[in-house]
Amino acid sequence: MSSLEQKNLRVLNRDVIKYIATFTMVLNHIGIVFLMPGTFLRELLVDIGYFTAPVMCYFLVEGYYHTHSRIRYAGRLLLFAVLAQIPYTLVFQTTVLNMLFTLFFCFLLLEVKARIQSPFFRWTGYLILIFLTGFCDWPTMAAVYTLLFAYAYGSDKKMWRAFLISWVVFAFMMFTGNMLYYSPGMTVLVTAGSVLGAVPAAVVLMCFYNGKRAARGKTFSKWFFYLFYPLHLLAIWGIAMCFFL
């Protein structure tokens, strides 16, 4: 494919891709909350939702390098993480921290990478923060995405390699988890479905993303993505209460 053909494919801006990722996240949550485990539709919706994490981590890295204030960026993540925790706990009935906390810890990974020069202390910081994501939604894998994308940032070749590595790591993690619940053949099938849910994220970002924000509604989109997370969780909880009480 020529460079001109590749350029012509880049028709999606950052906000459109984030709206798509938000939609796939909602599908994932609907599948988890409302559908029975093991059913085809539930597995399909959950797998579609695996599009979200790499997209959000990719844009976290991009945002880190382009934001006017990293302190305000981190503050927004932490504020809305706190606001979303009660709705998240109500919906999923868990003590796990929500994904905005995960993104906050991933933001700190980028700070460690940028500010700590000593390899020993830098990797110590990485390990501590990766460990902390283990108490959150998107455990460990979001940190892997963030570090891979950060080290590949600015090079399409390195970024494709980062996505490939992330698929291998993700497949391994899913396989080891699935083998506790499924037969060997079903474990391979379910794991393949999970990875296929993540692959479109790379295709969209690397082939269709034009590197721009939406020309209009920038402020609306900026706050929509923060506000939508706790609000959609409250909506899901309200609907679940109507169905299950």
Protein backbone atom coordinates (compact mmCIF):
# COMPACT_ATOMS: atom_id res chain seq x y z
CA MET A 1 0.00 0.00 0.00
CA SER A 2 1.42 3.40 -0.98
CA SER A 3 1.91 6.23 1.50
CA LEU A 4 -0.81 8.19 -0.31
CA GLU A 5 -3.28 5.32 0.09
CA GLN A 6 -2.35 5.03 3.76
CA LYS A 7 -2.91 8.76 4.21
CA ASN A 8 -6.33 8.56 2.58
CA LEU A 9 -7.37 5.91 5.12
CA ARG A 10 -6.64 8.18 8.07
CA VAL A 11 -10.13 9.59 8.45
CA LEU A 12 -10.75 9.13 12.19
CA ASN A 13 -9.78 11.75 14.75
CA ARG A 14 -8.94 11.08 18.37
CA ASP A 15 -12.38 11.94 19.71
CA VAL A 16 -14.20 9.62 17.28
CA ILE A 17 -11.92 6.73 18.25
CA LYS A 18 -12.45 7.46 21.94
CA TYR A 19 -16.23 7.48 21.38
CA ILE A 20 -15.89 4.05 19.74
CA ALA A 21 -13.80 2.83 22.68
CA THR A 22 -16.40 4.18 25.10
CA PHE A 23 -19.13 2.30 23.25
CA THR A 24 -17.17 -0.98 23.32
CA MET A 25 -16.60 -0.47 27.05
CA VAL A 26 -20.36 -0.15 27.57
CA LEU A 27 -20.92 -3.37 25.61
CA ASN A 28 -18.37 -5.10 27.83
CA HIS A 29 -20.13 -3.90 30.97
CA ILE A 30 -23.56 -4.89 29.65
CA GLY A 31 -22.25 -8.38 28.92
CA ILE A 32 -20.71 -8.77 32.38
CA VAL A 33 -23.69 -7.41 34.33
CA PHE A 34 -26.72 -8.67 32.41
CA LEU A 35 -25.71 -11.89 30.64
CA MET A 36 -24.94 -15.34 31.95
CA PRO A 37 -21.27 -16.41 32.01
CA GLY A 38 -20.38 -18.89 29.28
CA THR A 39 -23.05 -17.75 26.82
CA PHE A 40 -21.90 -16.80 23.33
CA LEU A 41 -23.39 -13.30 23.45
CA ARG A 42 -21.75 -12.51 26.77
CA GLU A 43 -18.35 -13.68 25.57
CA LEU A 44 -18.79 -11.71 22.35
CA LEU A 45 -19.61 -8.45 24.16
CA VAL A 46 -16.79 -8.94 26.65
CA ASP A 47 -14.31 -9.61 23.83
CA ILE A 48 -15.47 -6.54 21.90
CA GLY A 49 -14.75 -4.57 25.06
CA TYR A 50 -11.08 -5.51 24.88
CA PHE A 51 -10.83 -2.82 22.20
CA THR A 52 -11.05 -0.17 24.92
CA ALA A 53 -7.96 -0.68 27.08
CA PRO A 54 -5.25 -0.36 24.40
CA VAL A 55 -7.01 2.66 22.89
CA MET A 56 -7.25 4.48 26.21
CA CYS A 57 -3.64 3.64 27.11
CA TYR A 58 -2.46 4.81 23.69
CA PHE A 59 -4.22 8.14 24.13
CA LEU A 60 -2.97 8.41 27.70
CA VAL A 61 0.58 8.26 26.35
CA GLU A 62 -0.21 10.73 23.58
CA GLY A 63 -1.99 13.03 26.02
CA TYR A 64 0.94 12.90 28.43
CA TYR A 65 3.28 14.27 25.79
CA HIS A 66 0.84 16.90 24.49
CA THR A 67 -0.99 18.16 27.56
CA HIS A 68 -0.47 21.76 28.69
CA SER A 69 -0.40 20.69 32.34
CA ARG A 70 0.51 17.22 33.48
CA ILE A 71 -0.50 18.08 37.04
CA ARG A 72 -4.03 19.01 35.96
CA TYR A 73 -4.20 15.93 33.74
CA ALA A 74 -3.29 13.64 36.65
CA GLY A 75 -5.65 15.56 38.92
CA ARG A 76 -8.59 14.99 36.57
CA LEU A 77 -7.87 11.28 36.40
CA LEU A 78 -7.67 10.98 40.18
CA LEU A 79 -10.76 13.14 40.82
CA PHE A 80 -13.02 11.20 38.50
CA ALA A 81 -11.54 7.91 39.70
CA VAL A 82 -12.70 8.79 43.20
CA LEU A 83 -16.12 9.92 41.94
CA ALA A 84 -16.58 6.72 39.93
CA GLN A 85 -15.60 4.30 42.68
CA ILE A 86 -18.97 4.05 44.45
CA PRO A 87 -20.90 3.48 41.17
CA TYR A 88 -18.25 0.96 40.10
CA THR A 89 -18.54 -0.91 43.40
CA LEU A 90 -22.34 -0.94 43.19
CA VAL A 91 -22.32 -2.33 39.65
CA PHE A 92 -19.65 -5.00 39.98
CA GLN A 93 -19.95 -5.76 43.72
CA THR A 94 -16.20 -5.70 44.18
CA THR A 95 -13.49 -3.97 46.19
CA VAL A 96 -11.37 -3.60 43.04
CA LEU A 97 -10.58 -0.01 42.03
CA ASN A 98 -12.07 1.29 38.79
CA MET A 99 -10.18 1.77 35.54
CA LEU A 100 -9.59 5.50 36.08
CA PHE A 101 -7.39 4.56 39.03
CA THR A 102 -5.59 2.21 36.63
CA LEU A 103 -5.03 5.05 34.18
CA PHE A 104 -3.82 7.26 37.03
CA PHE A 105 -1.20 4.67 38.00
CA CYS A 106 -0.28 4.34 34.31
CA PHE A 107 0.15 8.11 34.18
CA LEU A 108 2.58 7.78 37.10
CA LEU A 109 4.46 5.14 35.10
CA LEU A 110 5.02 7.79 32.43
CA GLU A 111 6.21 10.21 35.09
CA VAL A 112 8.68 7.62 36.36
CA LYS A 113 9.94 7.05 32.82
CA ALA A 114 10.38 10.77 32.22
CA ARG A 115 11.87 11.83 35.55
CA ILE A 116 13.95 8.97 36.97
CA GLN A 117 17.27 8.47 35.24
CA SER A 118 18.64 5.57 37.28
CA PRO A 119 17.61 2.25 35.63
CA PHE A 120 17.41 0.56 39.03
CA PHE A 121 15.10 3.11 40.60
CA ARG A 122 13.10 3.52 37.38
CA TRP A 123 12.36 -0.20 37.15
CA THR A 124 11.64 -0.32 40.87
CA GLY A 125 9.07 2.41 40.29
CA TYR A 126 7.63 0.50 37.35
CA LEU A 127 7.26 -2.68 39.39
CA ILE A 128 5.57 -0.88 42.29
CA LEU A 129 3.05 0.82 40.01
CA ILE A 130 2.40 -2.36 38.01
CA PHE A 131 1.76 -4.10 41.34
CA LEU A 132 -0.73 -1.36 42.30
CA THR A 133 -2.68 -1.86 39.08
CA GLY A 134 -3.25 -5.41 40.29
CA PHE A 135 -5.84 -3.93 42.66
CA CYS A 136 -7.63 -2.19 39.79
CA ASP A 137 -9.72 -2.92 36.73
CA TRP A 138 -7.54 -3.73 33.70
CA PRO A 139 -4.87 -5.13 36.07
CA THR A 140 -1.26 -5.32 34.89
CA MET A 141 -2.14 -5.32 31.19
CA ALA A 142 -2.92 -1.60 31.11
CA ALA A 143 0.52 -0.93 32.56
CA VAL A 144 2.07 -3.18 29.92
CA TYR A 145 0.22 -1.30 27.17
CA THR A 146 1.31 2.05 28.58
CA LEU A 147 4.99 1.19 28.84
CA LEU A 148 5.09 -0.45 25.41
CA PHE A 149 3.40 2.54 23.78
CA ALA A 150 5.59 5.02 25.66
CA TYR A 151 8.82 3.37 24.51
CA ALA A 152 7.48 3.08 20.94
CA TYR A 153 6.01 6.59 20.78
CA GLY A 154 7.03 8.52 17.67
CA SER A 155 7.82 5.49 15.48
CA ASP A 156 5.16 3.58 13.54
CA LYS A 157 7.48 0.59 13.17
CA LYS A 158 8.12 0.42 16.91
CA MET A 159 4.44 0.95 17.63
CA TRP A 160 3.41 -1.99 15.47
CA ARG A 161 6.01 -4.05 17.33
CA ALA A 162 4.56 -2.81 20.64
CA PHE A 163 1.09 -3.94 19.62
CA LEU A 164 2.42 -7.34 18.56
CA ILE A 165 4.17 -7.81 21.90
CA SER A 166 1.03 -6.68 23.73
CA TRP A 167 -1.05 -9.31 21.90
CA VAL A 168 1.40 -12.04 22.93
CA VAL A 169 1.40 -10.90 26.57
CA PHE A 170 -2.39 -10.50 26.60
CA ALA A 171 -2.91 -13.94 25.04
CA PHE A 172 -0.61 -15.53 27.62
CA MET A 173 -2.42 -13.84 30.51
CA MET A 174 -5.85 -14.77 29.15
CA PHE A 175 -4.76 -18.35 28.45
CA THR A 176 -3.41 -18.93 31.94
CA GLY A 177 -6.61 -17.50 33.42
CA ASN A 178 -9.00 -19.35 31.09
CA MET A 179 -7.35 -22.74 31.61
CA LEU A 180 -8.70 -22.72 35.17
CA TYR A 181 -12.27 -22.76 33.89
CA TYR A 182 -12.28 -24.45 30.47
CA SER A 183 -11.07 -27.58 28.73
CA PRO A 184 -7.81 -27.19 26.75
CA GLY A 185 -9.60 -26.84 23.41
CA MET A 186 -12.12 -24.34 24.75
CA THR A 187 -9.32 -22.43 26.48
CA VAL A 188 -7.58 -21.89 23.13
CA LEU A 189 -10.85 -20.82 21.51
CA VAL A 190 -11.83 -18.38 24.24
CA THR A 191 -8.32 -16.93 24.36
CA ALA A 192 -8.31 -16.43 20.58
CA GLY A 193 -11.60 -14.59 20.83
CA SER A 194 -10.17 -12.33 23.51
CA VAL A 195 -7.13 -11.42 21.43
CA LEU A 196 -9.25 -10.80 18.35
CA GLY A 197 -11.13 -8.25 20.41
CA ALA A 198 -7.89 -6.33 20.98
CA VAL A 199 -6.49 -6.52 17.44
CA PRO A 200 -8.91 -3.96 15.92
CA ALA A 201 -7.54 -1.35 18.34
CA ALA A 202 -4.15 -1.52 16.64
CA VAL A 203 -5.69 -1.43 13.16
CA VAL A 204 -7.82 1.61 13.96
CA LEU A 205 -5.00 3.53 15.64
CA MET A 206 -2.27 2.67 13.16
CA CYS A 207 -4.25 2.76 9.91
CA PHE A 208 -7.21 5.09 10.43
CA TYR A 209 -6.16 7.62 13.10
CA ASN A 210 -5.23 11.00 11.60
CA GLY A 211 -3.46 12.34 14.69
CA LYS A 212 -5.96 15.16 15.21
CA ARG A 213 -8.73 16.10 17.60
CA ALA A 214 -12.24 16.88 16.45
CA ALA A 215 -12.49 20.29 14.82
CA ARG A 216 -15.57 21.17 16.88
CA GLY A 217 -16.75 20.34 20.37
CA LYS A 218 -13.30 19.84 21.87
CA THR A 219 -14.31 21.02 25.34
CA PHE A 220 -17.48 18.93 25.28
CA SER A 221 -15.59 15.80 24.27
CA LYS A 222 -12.88 16.39 26.86
CA TRP A 223 -15.35 16.45 29.76
CA PHE A 224 -17.75 13.92 28.26
CA PHE A 225 -15.23 11.11 28.55
CA TYR A 226 -14.61 11.88 32.24
CA LEU A 227 -18.27 12.35 33.17
CA PHE A 228 -19.64 9.49 31.12
CA TYR A 229 -17.73 6.84 33.06
CA PRO A 230 -19.38 7.32 36.49
CA LEU A 231 -22.74 8.27 34.93
CA HIS A 232 -23.00 5.17 32.75
CA LEU A 233 -22.14 3.02 35.76
CA LEU A 234 -24.96 4.63 37.72
CA ALA A 235 -27.30 3.98 34.79
CA ILE A 236 -26.30 0.31 34.60
CA TRP A 237 -26.75 -0.05 38.36
CA GLY A 238 -30.21 1.56 38.17
CA ILE A 239 -31.29 -0.74 35.34
CA ALA A 240 -29.89 -3.78 37.15
CA MET A 241 -31.86 -2.86 40.27
CA CYS A 242 -35.05 -2.68 38.21
CA PHE A 243 -34.42 -6.12 36.71
CA PHE A 244 -33.10 -7.99 39.72
CA LEU A 245 -35.05 -6.58 42.64
